[in-house]
Full PDB file with SEQRES, HELIX, SHEET, SSBOND, CRYST1, ORIGX, SCALE, CONECT and MASTER records, all heavy atoms in Angstrom:
SEQRES   1 A   37  ASP SER CYS LEU PRO GLU THR ARG GLU SER VAL GLU ASN          
SEQRES   2 A   37  PHE LEU THR ILE PHE TYR GLN VAL GLU TRP VAL TRP HIS          
SEQRES   3 A   37  LEU THR GLU ILE LEU TYR VAL ASP THR LEU PRO                  
HELIX    1 AA1 PRO A    5  THR A   28  1                                  24    
HELIX    2 AA2 GLU A   29  VAL A   33  3                                   5    
CRYST1    1.000    1.000    1.000  90.00  90.00  90.00 P 1           1          
ORIGX1      1.000000  0.000000  0.000000        0.00000                         
ORIGX2      0.000000  1.000000  0.000000        0.00000                         
ORIGX3      0.000000  0.000000  1.000000        0.00000                         
SCALE1      1.000000  0.000000  0.000000        0.00000                         
SCALE2      0.000000  1.000000  0.000000        0.00000                         
SCALE3      0.000000  0.000000  1.000000        0.00000                         
ATOM      1  N   ASP A   1     -13.698  -4.862   7.570  1.00  0.00           N  
ATOM      2  CA  ASP A   1     -14.296  -5.422   8.784  1.00  0.00           C  
ATOM      3  C   ASP A   1     -15.868  -5.275   8.814  1.00  0.00           C  
ATOM      4  O   ASP A   1     -16.544  -6.091   9.475  1.00  0.00           O  
ATOM      5  CB  ASP A   1     -13.752  -4.800  10.021  1.00  0.00           C  
ATOM      6  CG  ASP A   1     -12.275  -5.013  10.150  1.00  0.00           C  
ATOM      7  OD1 ASP A   1     -11.785  -6.088   9.595  1.00  0.00           O  
ATOM      8  OD2 ASP A   1     -11.625  -4.267  10.776  1.00  0.00           O  
ATOM      9  N   SER A   2     -16.348  -4.309   8.004  1.00  0.00           N  
ATOM     10  CA  SER A   2     -17.814  -4.037   8.096  1.00  0.00           C  
ATOM     11  C   SER A   2     -18.582  -4.348   6.792  1.00  0.00           C  
ATOM     12  O   SER A   2     -19.794  -4.308   6.809  1.00  0.00           O  
ATOM     13  CB  SER A   2     -18.055  -2.532   8.446  1.00  0.00           C  
ATOM     14  OG  SER A   2     -17.457  -1.736   7.495  1.00  0.00           O  
ATOM     15  N   CYS A   3     -17.850  -4.681   5.707  1.00  0.00           N  
ATOM     16  CA  CYS A   3     -18.512  -4.817   4.413  1.00  0.00           C  
ATOM     17  C   CYS A   3     -19.161  -6.260   4.353  1.00  0.00           C  
ATOM     18  O   CYS A   3     -18.792  -7.083   5.050  1.00  0.00           O  
ATOM     19  CB  CYS A   3     -17.532  -4.584   3.275  1.00  0.00           C  
ATOM     20  SG  CYS A   3     -16.216  -5.805   3.081  1.00  0.00           S  
ATOM     21  N   LEU A   4     -19.984  -6.370   3.290  1.00  0.00           N  
ATOM     22  CA  LEU A   4     -20.670  -7.655   3.033  1.00  0.00           C  
ATOM     23  C   LEU A   4     -19.629  -8.661   2.434  1.00  0.00           C  
ATOM     24  O   LEU A   4     -18.659  -8.216   1.814  1.00  0.00           O  
ATOM     25  CB  LEU A   4     -21.778  -7.393   2.053  1.00  0.00           C  
ATOM     26  CG  LEU A   4     -22.940  -6.498   2.539  1.00  0.00           C  
ATOM     27  CD1 LEU A   4     -23.877  -6.232   1.385  1.00  0.00           C  
ATOM     28  CD2 LEU A   4     -23.611  -7.133   3.745  1.00  0.00           C  
ATOM     29  N   PRO A   5     -19.877  -9.951   2.659  1.00  0.00           N  
ATOM     30  CA  PRO A   5     -18.952 -10.963   2.167  1.00  0.00           C  
ATOM     31  C   PRO A   5     -18.678 -10.832   0.642  1.00  0.00           C  
ATOM     32  O   PRO A   5     -17.484 -11.076   0.208  1.00  0.00           O  
ATOM     33  CB  PRO A   5     -19.648 -12.254   2.426  1.00  0.00           C  
ATOM     34  CG  PRO A   5     -20.560 -11.983   3.559  1.00  0.00           C  
ATOM     35  CD  PRO A   5     -21.059 -10.515   3.333  1.00  0.00           C  
ATOM     36  N   GLU A   6     -19.664 -10.445  -0.180  1.00  0.00           N  
ATOM     37  CA  GLU A   6     -19.456 -10.399  -1.603  1.00  0.00           C  
ATOM     38  C   GLU A   6     -18.458  -9.243  -2.056  1.00  0.00           C  
ATOM     39  O   GLU A   6     -17.894  -9.280  -3.093  1.00  0.00           O  
ATOM     40  CB  GLU A   6     -20.786 -10.260  -2.351  1.00  0.00           C  
ATOM     41  CG  GLU A   6     -21.596  -9.033  -1.906  1.00  0.00           C  
ATOM     42  CD  GLU A   6     -22.665  -9.507  -0.876  1.00  0.00           C  
ATOM     43  OE1 GLU A   6     -22.386 -10.508  -0.154  1.00  0.00           O  
ATOM     44  OE2 GLU A   6     -23.761  -8.823  -0.778  1.00  0.00           O  
ATOM     45  N   THR A   7     -18.284  -8.205  -1.157  1.00  0.00           N  
ATOM     46  CA  THR A   7     -17.402  -7.156  -1.509  1.00  0.00           C  
ATOM     47  C   THR A   7     -16.076  -7.167  -0.714  1.00  0.00           C  
ATOM     48  O   THR A   7     -15.167  -6.499  -1.007  1.00  0.00           O  
ATOM     49  CB  THR A   7     -18.104  -5.759  -1.196  1.00  0.00           C  
ATOM     50  OG1 THR A   7     -18.416  -5.663   0.211  1.00  0.00           O  
ATOM     51  CG2 THR A   7     -19.304  -5.576  -2.015  1.00  0.00           C  
ATOM     52  N   ARG A   8     -16.017  -8.168   0.184  1.00  0.00           N  
ATOM     53  CA  ARG A   8     -14.781  -8.229   1.087  1.00  0.00           C  
ATOM     54  C   ARG A   8     -13.591  -8.637   0.216  1.00  0.00           C  
ATOM     55  O   ARG A   8     -12.501  -8.108   0.467  1.00  0.00           O  
ATOM     56  CB  ARG A   8     -15.020  -9.267   2.202  1.00  0.00           C  
ATOM     57  CG  ARG A   8     -13.849  -9.296   3.129  1.00  0.00           C  
ATOM     58  CD  ARG A   8     -14.218 -10.106   4.427  1.00  0.00           C  
ATOM     59  NE  ARG A   8     -15.298  -9.434   5.209  1.00  0.00           N  
ATOM     60  CZ  ARG A   8     -16.395 -10.016   5.568  1.00  0.00           C  
ATOM     61  NH1 ARG A   8     -16.630 -11.246   5.182  1.00  0.00           N  
ATOM     62  NH2 ARG A   8     -17.310  -9.385   6.257  1.00  0.00           N  
ATOM     63  N   GLU A   9     -13.797  -9.475  -0.787  1.00  0.00           N  
ATOM     64  CA  GLU A   9     -12.656  -9.901  -1.587  1.00  0.00           C  
ATOM     65  C   GLU A   9     -12.043  -8.776  -2.324  1.00  0.00           C  
ATOM     66  O   GLU A   9     -10.791  -8.655  -2.359  1.00  0.00           O  
ATOM     67  CB  GLU A   9     -13.056 -10.997  -2.595  1.00  0.00           C  
ATOM     68  CG  GLU A   9     -11.955 -11.606  -3.341  1.00  0.00           C  
ATOM     69  CD  GLU A   9     -12.439 -12.737  -4.312  1.00  0.00           C  
ATOM     70  OE1 GLU A   9     -13.566 -13.130  -4.165  1.00  0.00           O  
ATOM     71  OE2 GLU A   9     -11.583 -13.153  -5.130  1.00  0.00           O  
ATOM     72  N   SER A  10     -12.842  -7.870  -2.913  1.00  0.00           N  
ATOM     73  CA  SER A  10     -12.310  -6.804  -3.677  1.00  0.00           C  
ATOM     74  C   SER A  10     -11.629  -5.744  -2.714  1.00  0.00           C  
ATOM     75  O   SER A  10     -10.521  -5.206  -3.071  1.00  0.00           O  
ATOM     76  CB  SER A  10     -13.414  -6.070  -4.429  1.00  0.00           C  
ATOM     77  OG  SER A  10     -14.364  -5.512  -3.601  1.00  0.00           O  
ATOM     78  N   VAL A  11     -12.143  -5.575  -1.496  1.00  0.00           N  
ATOM     79  CA  VAL A  11     -11.523  -4.644  -0.525  1.00  0.00           C  
ATOM     80  C   VAL A  11     -10.165  -5.241  -0.120  1.00  0.00           C  
ATOM     81  O   VAL A  11      -9.163  -4.500   0.027  1.00  0.00           O  
ATOM     82  CB  VAL A  11     -12.454  -4.402   0.676  1.00  0.00           C  
ATOM     83  CG1 VAL A  11     -11.718  -3.627   1.774  1.00  0.00           C  
ATOM     84  CG2 VAL A  11     -13.687  -3.695   0.274  1.00  0.00           C  
ATOM     85  N   GLU A  12     -10.083  -6.520   0.110  1.00  0.00           N  
ATOM     86  CA  GLU A  12      -8.805  -7.152   0.448  1.00  0.00           C  
ATOM     87  C   GLU A  12      -7.820  -7.044  -0.626  1.00  0.00           C  
ATOM     88  O   GLU A  12      -6.599  -6.879  -0.425  1.00  0.00           O  
ATOM     89  CB  GLU A  12      -9.061  -8.637   0.823  1.00  0.00           C  
ATOM     90  CG  GLU A  12      -9.744  -8.798   2.181  1.00  0.00           C  
ATOM     91  CD  GLU A  12     -10.056 -10.260   2.524  1.00  0.00           C  
ATOM     92  OE1 GLU A  12      -9.962 -11.102   1.600  1.00  0.00           O  
ATOM     93  OE2 GLU A  12     -10.448 -10.484   3.679  1.00  0.00           O  
ATOM     94  N   ASN A  13      -8.301  -7.158  -1.912  1.00  0.00           N  
ATOM     95  CA  ASN A  13      -7.428  -6.940  -3.044  1.00  0.00           C  
ATOM     96  C   ASN A  13      -6.826  -5.545  -3.083  1.00  0.00           C  
ATOM     97  O   ASN A  13      -5.653  -5.333  -3.321  1.00  0.00           O  
ATOM     98  CB  ASN A  13      -8.179  -7.238  -4.345  1.00  0.00           C  
ATOM     99  CG  ASN A  13      -7.353  -7.101  -5.623  1.00  0.00           C  
ATOM    100  OD1 ASN A  13      -6.199  -7.571  -5.644  1.00  0.00           O  
ATOM    101  ND2 ASN A  13      -7.859  -6.413  -6.636  1.00  0.00           N  
ATOM    102  N   PHE A  14      -7.708  -4.543  -2.780  1.00  0.00           N  
ATOM    103  CA  PHE A  14      -7.224  -3.133  -2.730  1.00  0.00           C  
ATOM    104  C   PHE A  14      -6.156  -2.986  -1.670  1.00  0.00           C  
ATOM    105  O   PHE A  14      -5.223  -2.352  -1.838  1.00  0.00           O  
ATOM    106  CB  PHE A  14      -8.409  -2.211  -2.404  1.00  0.00           C  
ATOM    107  CG  PHE A  14      -9.495  -2.166  -3.428  1.00  0.00           C  
ATOM    108  CD1 PHE A  14     -10.729  -1.680  -3.127  1.00  0.00           C  
ATOM    109  CD2 PHE A  14      -9.307  -2.615  -4.726  1.00  0.00           C  
ATOM    110  CE1 PHE A  14     -11.808  -1.657  -4.088  1.00  0.00           C  
ATOM    111  CE2 PHE A  14     -10.294  -2.631  -5.661  1.00  0.00           C  
ATOM    112  CZ  PHE A  14     -11.564  -2.113  -5.372  1.00  0.00           C  
ATOM    113  N   LEU A  15      -6.434  -3.674  -0.505  1.00  0.00           N  
ATOM    114  CA  LEU A  15      -5.508  -3.521   0.616  1.00  0.00           C  
ATOM    115  C   LEU A  15      -4.110  -4.066   0.204  1.00  0.00           C  
ATOM    116  O   LEU A  15      -3.083  -3.455   0.522  1.00  0.00           O  
ATOM    117  CB  LEU A  15      -6.004  -4.343   1.805  1.00  0.00           C  
ATOM    118  CG  LEU A  15      -6.854  -3.527   2.793  1.00  0.00           C  
ATOM    119  CD1 LEU A  15      -7.537  -4.485   3.759  1.00  0.00           C  
ATOM    120  CD2 LEU A  15      -6.072  -2.506   3.534  1.00  0.00           C  
ATOM    121  N   THR A  16      -4.109  -5.258  -0.464  1.00  0.00           N  
ATOM    122  CA  THR A  16      -2.841  -5.815  -0.925  1.00  0.00           C  
ATOM    123  C   THR A  16      -2.110  -4.914  -1.804  1.00  0.00           C  
ATOM    124  O   THR A  16      -0.872  -4.648  -1.661  1.00  0.00           O  
ATOM    125  CB  THR A  16      -3.095  -7.158  -1.594  1.00  0.00           C  
ATOM    126  OG1 THR A  16      -3.759  -8.087  -0.723  1.00  0.00           O  
ATOM    127  CG2 THR A  16      -1.792  -7.843  -2.036  1.00  0.00           C  
ATOM    128  N   ILE A  17      -2.834  -4.356  -2.775  1.00  0.00           N  
ATOM    129  CA  ILE A  17      -2.204  -3.456  -3.776  1.00  0.00           C  
ATOM    130  C   ILE A  17      -1.647  -2.260  -3.094  1.00  0.00           C  
ATOM    131  O   ILE A  17      -0.416  -1.893  -3.349  1.00  0.00           O  
ATOM    132  CB  ILE A  17      -3.201  -3.040  -4.836  1.00  0.00           C  
ATOM    133  CG1 ILE A  17      -3.633  -4.208  -5.696  1.00  0.00           C  
ATOM    134  CG2 ILE A  17      -2.652  -1.892  -5.698  1.00  0.00           C  
ATOM    135  CD1 ILE A  17      -4.742  -3.924  -6.658  1.00  0.00           C  
ATOM    136  N   PHE A  18      -2.374  -1.628  -2.214  1.00  0.00           N  
ATOM    137  CA  PHE A  18      -1.934  -0.317  -1.677  1.00  0.00           C  
ATOM    138  C   PHE A  18      -0.987  -0.513  -0.538  1.00  0.00           C  
ATOM    139  O   PHE A  18      -0.129   0.416  -0.169  1.00  0.00           O  
ATOM    140  CB  PHE A  18      -3.071   0.586  -1.390  1.00  0.00           C  
ATOM    141  CG  PHE A  18      -3.733   1.137  -2.607  1.00  0.00           C  
ATOM    142  CD1 PHE A  18      -4.900   0.559  -3.068  1.00  0.00           C  
ATOM    143  CD2 PHE A  18      -3.116   2.143  -3.313  1.00  0.00           C  
ATOM    144  CE1 PHE A  18      -5.468   1.024  -4.264  1.00  0.00           C  
ATOM    145  CE2 PHE A  18      -3.657   2.592  -4.520  1.00  0.00           C  
ATOM    146  CZ  PHE A  18      -4.836   2.034  -4.978  1.00  0.00           C  
ATOM    147  N   TYR A  19      -0.945  -1.652   0.180  1.00  0.00           N  
ATOM    148  CA  TYR A  19       0.168  -1.888   1.105  1.00  0.00           C  
ATOM    149  C   TYR A  19       1.520  -1.932   0.352  1.00  0.00           C  
ATOM    150  O   TYR A  19       2.473  -1.325   0.739  1.00  0.00           O  
ATOM    151  CB  TYR A  19      -0.020  -3.360   1.701  1.00  0.00           C  
ATOM    152  CG  TYR A  19      -0.834  -3.410   2.990  1.00  0.00           C  
ATOM    153  CD1 TYR A  19      -1.832  -4.363   3.157  1.00  0.00           C  
ATOM    154  CD2 TYR A  19      -0.572  -2.522   4.047  1.00  0.00           C  
ATOM    155  CE1 TYR A  19      -2.550  -4.441   4.276  1.00  0.00           C  
ATOM    156  CE2 TYR A  19      -1.289  -2.599   5.239  1.00  0.00           C  
ATOM    157  CZ  TYR A  19      -2.341  -3.498   5.380  1.00  0.00           C  
ATOM    158  OH  TYR A  19      -3.040  -3.626   6.490  1.00  0.00           O  
ATOM    159  N   GLN A  20       1.480  -2.614  -0.845  1.00  0.00           N  
ATOM    160  CA  GLN A  20       2.747  -2.788  -1.637  1.00  0.00           C  
ATOM    161  C   GLN A  20       3.079  -1.358  -2.149  1.00  0.00           C  
ATOM    162  O   GLN A  20       4.281  -1.028  -2.203  1.00  0.00           O  
ATOM    163  CB  GLN A  20       2.521  -3.737  -2.724  1.00  0.00           C  
ATOM    164  CG  GLN A  20       2.319  -5.186  -2.234  1.00  0.00           C  
ATOM    165  CD  GLN A  20       1.964  -6.125  -3.356  1.00  0.00           C  
ATOM    166  OE1 GLN A  20       1.631  -5.677  -4.423  1.00  0.00           O  
ATOM    167  NE2 GLN A  20       2.062  -7.416  -3.076  1.00  0.00           N  
ATOM    168  N   VAL A  21       2.166  -0.626  -2.658  1.00  0.00           N  
ATOM    169  CA  VAL A  21       2.431   0.700  -3.160  1.00  0.00           C  
ATOM    170  C   VAL A  21       3.093   1.569  -2.110  1.00  0.00           C  
ATOM    171  O   VAL A  21       4.073   2.307  -2.419  1.00  0.00           O  
ATOM    172  CB  VAL A  21       1.091   1.401  -3.682  1.00  0.00           C  
ATOM    173  CG1 VAL A  21       1.294   2.832  -3.967  1.00  0.00           C  
ATOM    174  CG2 VAL A  21       0.597   0.709  -5.010  1.00  0.00           C  
ATOM    175  N   GLU A  22       2.526   1.526  -0.877  1.00  0.00           N  
ATOM    176  CA  GLU A  22       3.005   2.418   0.186  1.00  0.00           C  
ATOM    177  C   GLU A  22       4.471   2.069   0.526  1.00  0.00           C  
ATOM    178  O   GLU A  22       5.323   2.924   0.722  1.00  0.00           O  
ATOM    179  CB  GLU A  22       2.114   2.301   1.403  1.00  0.00           C  
ATOM    180  CG  GLU A  22       2.158   3.556   2.322  1.00  0.00           C  
ATOM    181  CD  GLU A  22       3.385   3.495   3.256  1.00  0.00           C  
ATOM    182  OE1 GLU A  22       3.754   2.357   3.652  1.00  0.00           O  
ATOM    183  OE2 GLU A  22       3.938   4.526   3.662  1.00  0.00           O  
ATOM    184  N   TRP A  23       4.800   0.735   0.628  1.00  0.00           N  
ATOM    185  CA  TRP A  23       6.206   0.466   1.042  1.00  0.00           C  
ATOM    186  C   TRP A  23       7.237   0.646  -0.074  1.00  0.00           C  
ATOM    187  O   TRP A  23       8.347   1.066   0.167  1.00  0.00           O  
ATOM    188  CB  TRP A  23       6.346  -0.872   1.750  1.00  0.00           C  
ATOM    189  CG  TRP A  23       6.454  -2.124   0.939  1.00  0.00           C  
ATOM    190  CD1 TRP A  23       7.332  -2.463  -0.033  1.00  0.00           C  
ATOM    191  CD2 TRP A  23       5.618  -3.338   1.125  1.00  0.00           C  
ATOM    192  NE1 TRP A  23       7.191  -3.745  -0.460  1.00  0.00           N  
ATOM    193  CE2 TRP A  23       6.153  -4.324   0.282  1.00  0.00           C  
ATOM    194  CE3 TRP A  23       4.607  -3.705   1.988  1.00  0.00           C  
ATOM    195  CZ2 TRP A  23       5.615  -5.573   0.162  1.00  0.00           C  
ATOM    196  CZ3 TRP A  23       4.100  -5.046   1.916  1.00  0.00           C  
ATOM    197  CH2 TRP A  23       4.611  -5.886   0.966  1.00  0.00           C  
ATOM    198  N   VAL A  24       6.778   0.541  -1.315  1.00  0.00           N  
ATOM    199  CA  VAL A  24       7.716   0.802  -2.447  1.00  0.00           C  
ATOM    200  C   VAL A  24       7.911   2.349  -2.570  1.00  0.00           C  
ATOM    201  O   VAL A  24       9.035   2.825  -2.780  1.00  0.00           O  
ATOM    202  CB  VAL A  24       7.154   0.249  -3.772  1.00  0.00           C  
ATOM    203  CG1 VAL A  24       8.036   0.691  -4.954  1.00  0.00           C  
ATOM    204  CG2 VAL A  24       7.083  -1.307  -3.711  1.00  0.00           C  
ATOM    205  N   TRP A  25       6.793   3.107  -2.347  1.00  0.00           N  
ATOM    206  CA  TRP A  25       6.948   4.551  -2.329  1.00  0.00           C  
ATOM    207  C   TRP A  25       7.919   5.038  -1.227  1.00  0.00           C  
ATOM    208  O   TRP A  25       8.749   5.803  -1.436  1.00  0.00           O  
ATOM    209  CB  TRP A  25       5.563   5.218  -2.104  1.00  0.00           C  
ATOM    210  CG  TRP A  25       5.611   6.711  -2.317  1.00  0.00           C  
ATOM    211  CD1 TRP A  25       6.373   7.589  -1.633  1.00  0.00           C  
ATOM    212  CD2 TRP A  25       4.927   7.439  -3.348  1.00  0.00           C  
ATOM    213  NE1 TRP A  25       6.184   8.869  -2.079  1.00  0.00           N  
ATOM    214  CE2 TRP A  25       5.278   8.846  -3.101  1.00  0.00           C  
ATOM    215  CE3 TRP A  25       3.968   7.104  -4.293  1.00  0.00           C  
ATOM    216  CZ2 TRP A  25       4.789   9.880  -3.895  1.00  0.00           C  
ATOM    217  CZ3 TRP A  25       3.435   8.147  -5.094  1.00  0.00           C  
ATOM    218  CH2 TRP A  25       3.894   9.488  -4.899  1.00  0.00           C  
ATOM    219  N   HIS A  26       7.763   4.435   0.014  1.00  0.00           N  
ATOM    220  CA  HIS A  26       8.600   4.811   1.097  1.00  0.00           C  
ATOM    221  C   HIS A  26      10.032   4.535   0.811  1.00  0.00           C  
ATOM    222  O   HIS A  26      10.917   5.445   1.068  1.00  0.00           O  
ATOM    223  CB  HIS A  26       8.146   3.983   2.314  1.00  0.00           C  
ATOM    224  CG  HIS A  26       8.780   4.465   3.599  1.00  0.00           C  
ATOM    225  ND1 HIS A  26       8.482   3.941   4.859  1.00  0.00           N  
ATOM    226  CD2 HIS A  26       9.585   5.537   3.862  1.00  0.00           C  
ATOM    227  CE1 HIS A  26       9.105   4.582   5.758  1.00  0.00           C  
ATOM    228  NE2 HIS A  26       9.823   5.522   5.208  1.00  0.00           N  
ATOM    229  N   LEU A  27      10.379   3.450   0.163  1.00  0.00           N  
ATOM    230  CA  LEU A  27      11.752   3.136  -0.194  1.00  0.00           C  
ATOM    231  C   LEU A  27      12.315   4.158  -1.239  1.00  0.00           C  
ATOM    232  O   LEU A  27      13.422   4.584  -1.122  1.00  0.00           O  
ATOM    233  CB  LEU A  27      11.921   1.669  -0.715  1.00  0.00           C  
ATOM    234  CG  LEU A  27      13.313   1.314  -1.153  1.00  0.00           C  
ATOM    235  CD1 LEU A  27      14.245   1.336   0.056  1.00  0.00           C  
ATOM    236  CD2 LEU A  27      13.294  -0.050  -1.797  1.00  0.00           C  
ATOM    237  N   THR A  28      11.467   4.441  -2.220  1.00  0.00           N  
ATOM    238  CA  THR A  28      11.839   5.455  -3.240  1.00  0.00           C  
ATOM    239  C   THR A  28      12.150   6.789  -2.557  1.00  0.00           C  
ATOM    240  O   THR A  28      13.128   7.474  -2.975  1.00  0.00           O  
ATOM    241  CB  THR A  28      10.731   5.604  -4.282  1.00  0.00           C  
ATOM    242  OG1 THR A  28      10.352   4.273  -4.717  1.00  0.00           O  
ATOM    243  CG2 THR A  28      11.258   6.426  -5.489  1.00  0.00           C  
ATOM    244  N   GLU A  29      11.334   7.155  -1.615  1.00  0.00           N  
ATOM    245  CA  GLU A  29      11.529   8.442  -0.909  1.00  0.00           C  
ATOM    246  C   GLU A  29      12.878   8.398  -0.199  1.00  0.00           C  
ATOM    247  O   GLU A  29      13.617   9.418  -0.222  1.00  0.00           O  
ATOM    248  CB  GLU A  29      10.403   8.629   0.087  1.00  0.00           C  
ATOM    249  CG  GLU A  29      10.470   9.897   0.905  1.00  0.00           C  
ATOM    250  CD  GLU A  29       9.361   9.951   1.967  1.00  0.00           C  
ATOM    251  OE1 GLU A  29       8.219  10.081   1.532  1.00  0.00           O  
ATOM    252  OE2 GLU A  29       9.756   9.822   3.195  1.00  0.00           O  
ATOM    253  N   ILE A  30      13.214   7.278   0.427  1.00  0.00           N  
ATOM    254  CA  ILE A  30      14.476   7.137   1.191  1.00  0.00           C  
ATOM    255  C   ILE A  30      15.690   7.235   0.220  1.00  0.00           C  
ATOM    256  O   ILE A  30      16.661   7.943   0.485  1.00  0.00           O  
ATOM    257  CB  ILE A  30      14.510   5.816   1.921  1.00  0.00           C  
ATOM    258  CG1 ILE A  30      13.526   5.844   3.121  1.00  0.00           C  
ATOM    259  CG2 ILE A  30      15.955   5.525   2.422  1.00  0.00           C  
ATOM    260  CD1 ILE A  30      13.346   4.551   3.764  1.00  0.00           C  
ATOM    261  N   LEU A  31      15.588   6.523  -0.908  1.00  0.00           N  
ATOM    262  CA  LEU A  31      16.780   6.427  -1.828  1.00  0.00           C  
ATOM    263  C   LEU A  31      16.923   7.552  -2.756  1.00  0.00           C  
ATOM    264  O   LEU A  31      18.051   7.889  -3.217  1.00  0.00           O  
ATOM    265  CB  LEU A  31      16.652   5.153  -2.636  1.00  0.00           C  
ATOM    266  CG  LEU A  31      16.673   3.796  -1.835  1.00  0.00           C  
ATOM    267  CD1 LEU A  31      16.542   2.650  -2.811  1.00  0.00           C  
ATOM    268  CD2 LEU A  31      17.964   3.705  -1.022  1.00  0.00           C  
ATOM    269  N   TYR A  32      15.875   8.248  -3.106  1.00  0.00           N  
ATOM    270  CA  TYR A  32      15.952   9.257  -4.181  1.00  0.00           C  
ATOM    271  C   TYR A  32      15.479  10.665  -3.856  1.00  0.00           C  
ATOM    272  O   TYR A  32      15.803  11.606  -4.538  1.00  0.00           O  
ATOM    273  CB  TYR A  32      15.103   8.777  -5.421  1.00  0.00           C  
ATOM    274  CG  TYR A  32      15.627   7.537  -6.005  1.00  0.00           C  
ATOM    275  CD1 TYR A  32      15.222   6.246  -5.590  1.00  0.00           C  
ATOM    276  CD2 TYR A  32      16.630   7.606  -7.045  1.00  0.00           C  
ATOM    277  CE1 TYR A  32      15.681   5.120  -6.127  1.00  0.00           C  
ATOM    278  CE2 TYR A  32      17.137   6.430  -7.627  1.00  0.00           C  
ATOM    279  CZ  TYR A  32      16.685   5.209  -7.162  1.00  0.00           C  
ATOM    280  OH  TYR A  32      17.191   4.070  -7.749  1.00  0.00           O  
ATOM    281  N   VAL A  33      14.713  10.782  -2.692  1.00  0.00           N  
ATOM    282  CA  VAL A  33      14.261  12.145  -2.368  1.00  0.00           C  
ATOM    283  C   VAL A  33      14.899  12.579  -1.012  1.00  0.00           C  
ATOM    284  O   VAL A  33      15.483  13.714  -1.022  1.00  0.00           O  
ATOM    285  CB  VAL A  33      12.666  12.128  -2.194  1.00  0.00           C  
ATOM    286  CG1 VAL A  33      12.206  13.569  -1.901  1.00  0.00           C  
ATOM    287  CG2 VAL A  33      12.064  11.602  -3.493  1.00  0.00           C  
ATOM    288  N   ASP A  34      14.842  11.782  -0.048  1.00  0.00           N  
ATOM    289  CA  ASP A  34      15.279  12.172   1.324  1.00  0.00           C  
ATOM    290  C   ASP A  34      16.681  11.624   1.583  1.00  0.00           C  
ATOM    291  O   ASP A  34      16.936  10.894   2.586  1.00  0.00           O  
ATOM    292  CB  ASP A  34      14.329  11.705   2.388  1.00  0.00           C  
ATOM    293  CG  ASP A  34      14.703  12.220   3.775  1.00  0.00           C  
ATOM    294  OD1 ASP A  34      15.363  13.218   3.862  1.00  0.00           O  
ATOM    295  OD2 ASP A  34      14.264  11.512   4.744  1.00  0.00           O  
ATOM    296  N   THR A  35      17.625  11.890   0.716  1.00  0.00           N  
ATOM    297  CA  THR A  35      18.995  11.290   0.951  1.00  0.00           C  
ATOM    298  C   THR A  35      19.715  12.072   2.007  1.00  0.00           C  
ATOM    299  O   THR A  35      19.714  13.371   2.008  1.00  0.00           O  
ATOM    300  CB  THR A  35      19.818  11.410  -0.403  1.00  0.00           C  
ATOM    301  OG1 THR A  35      19.685  12.740  -0.989  1.00  0.00           O  
ATOM    302  CG2 THR A  35      19.173  10.440  -1.431  1.00  0.00           C  
ATOM    303  N   LEU A  36      20.355  11.362   2.875  1.00  0.00           N  
ATOM    304  CA  LEU A  36      21.153  12.000   3.979  1.00  0.00           C  
ATOM    305  C   LEU A  36      22.527  12.496   3.474  1.00  0.00           C  
ATOM    306  O   LEU A  36      22.980  11.963   2.369  1.00  0.00           O  
ATOM    307  CB  LEU A  36      21.382  10.933   5.125  1.00  0.00           C  
ATOM    308  CG  LEU A  36      20.152  10.427   5.808  1.00  0.00           C  
ATOM    309  CD1 LEU A  36      20.562   9.353   6.812  1.00  0.00           C  
ATOM    310  CD2 LEU A  36      19.448  11.598   6.584  1.00  0.00           C  
ATOM    311  N   PRO A  37      23.125  13.422   4.218  1.00  0.00           N  
ATOM    312  CA  PRO A  37      24.479  13.827   3.825  1.00  0.00           C  
ATOM    313  C   PRO A  37      25.434  12.605   3.699  1.00  0.00           C  
ATOM    314  O   PRO A  37      25.464  11.753   4.578  1.00  0.00           O  
ATOM    315  CB  PRO A  37      24.881  14.782   4.938  1.00  0.00           C  
ATOM    316  CG  PRO A  37      23.585  15.280   5.533  1.00  0.00           C  
ATOM    317  CD  PRO A  37      22.590  14.096   5.345  1.00  0.00           C  
TER     318      PRO A  37                                                      
MASTER        0    0    0    2    0    0    0    6  317    1    0    3          
END                                                                             
């Protein structure tokens, strides 16, 4: 929201990557680490 236009594209790319990383990690945690009885 605050960066210059020339760097905004790379920041948005980082956001896309780490959004995906976080939700895949969350699923792995559910299926392989925090398994319910």
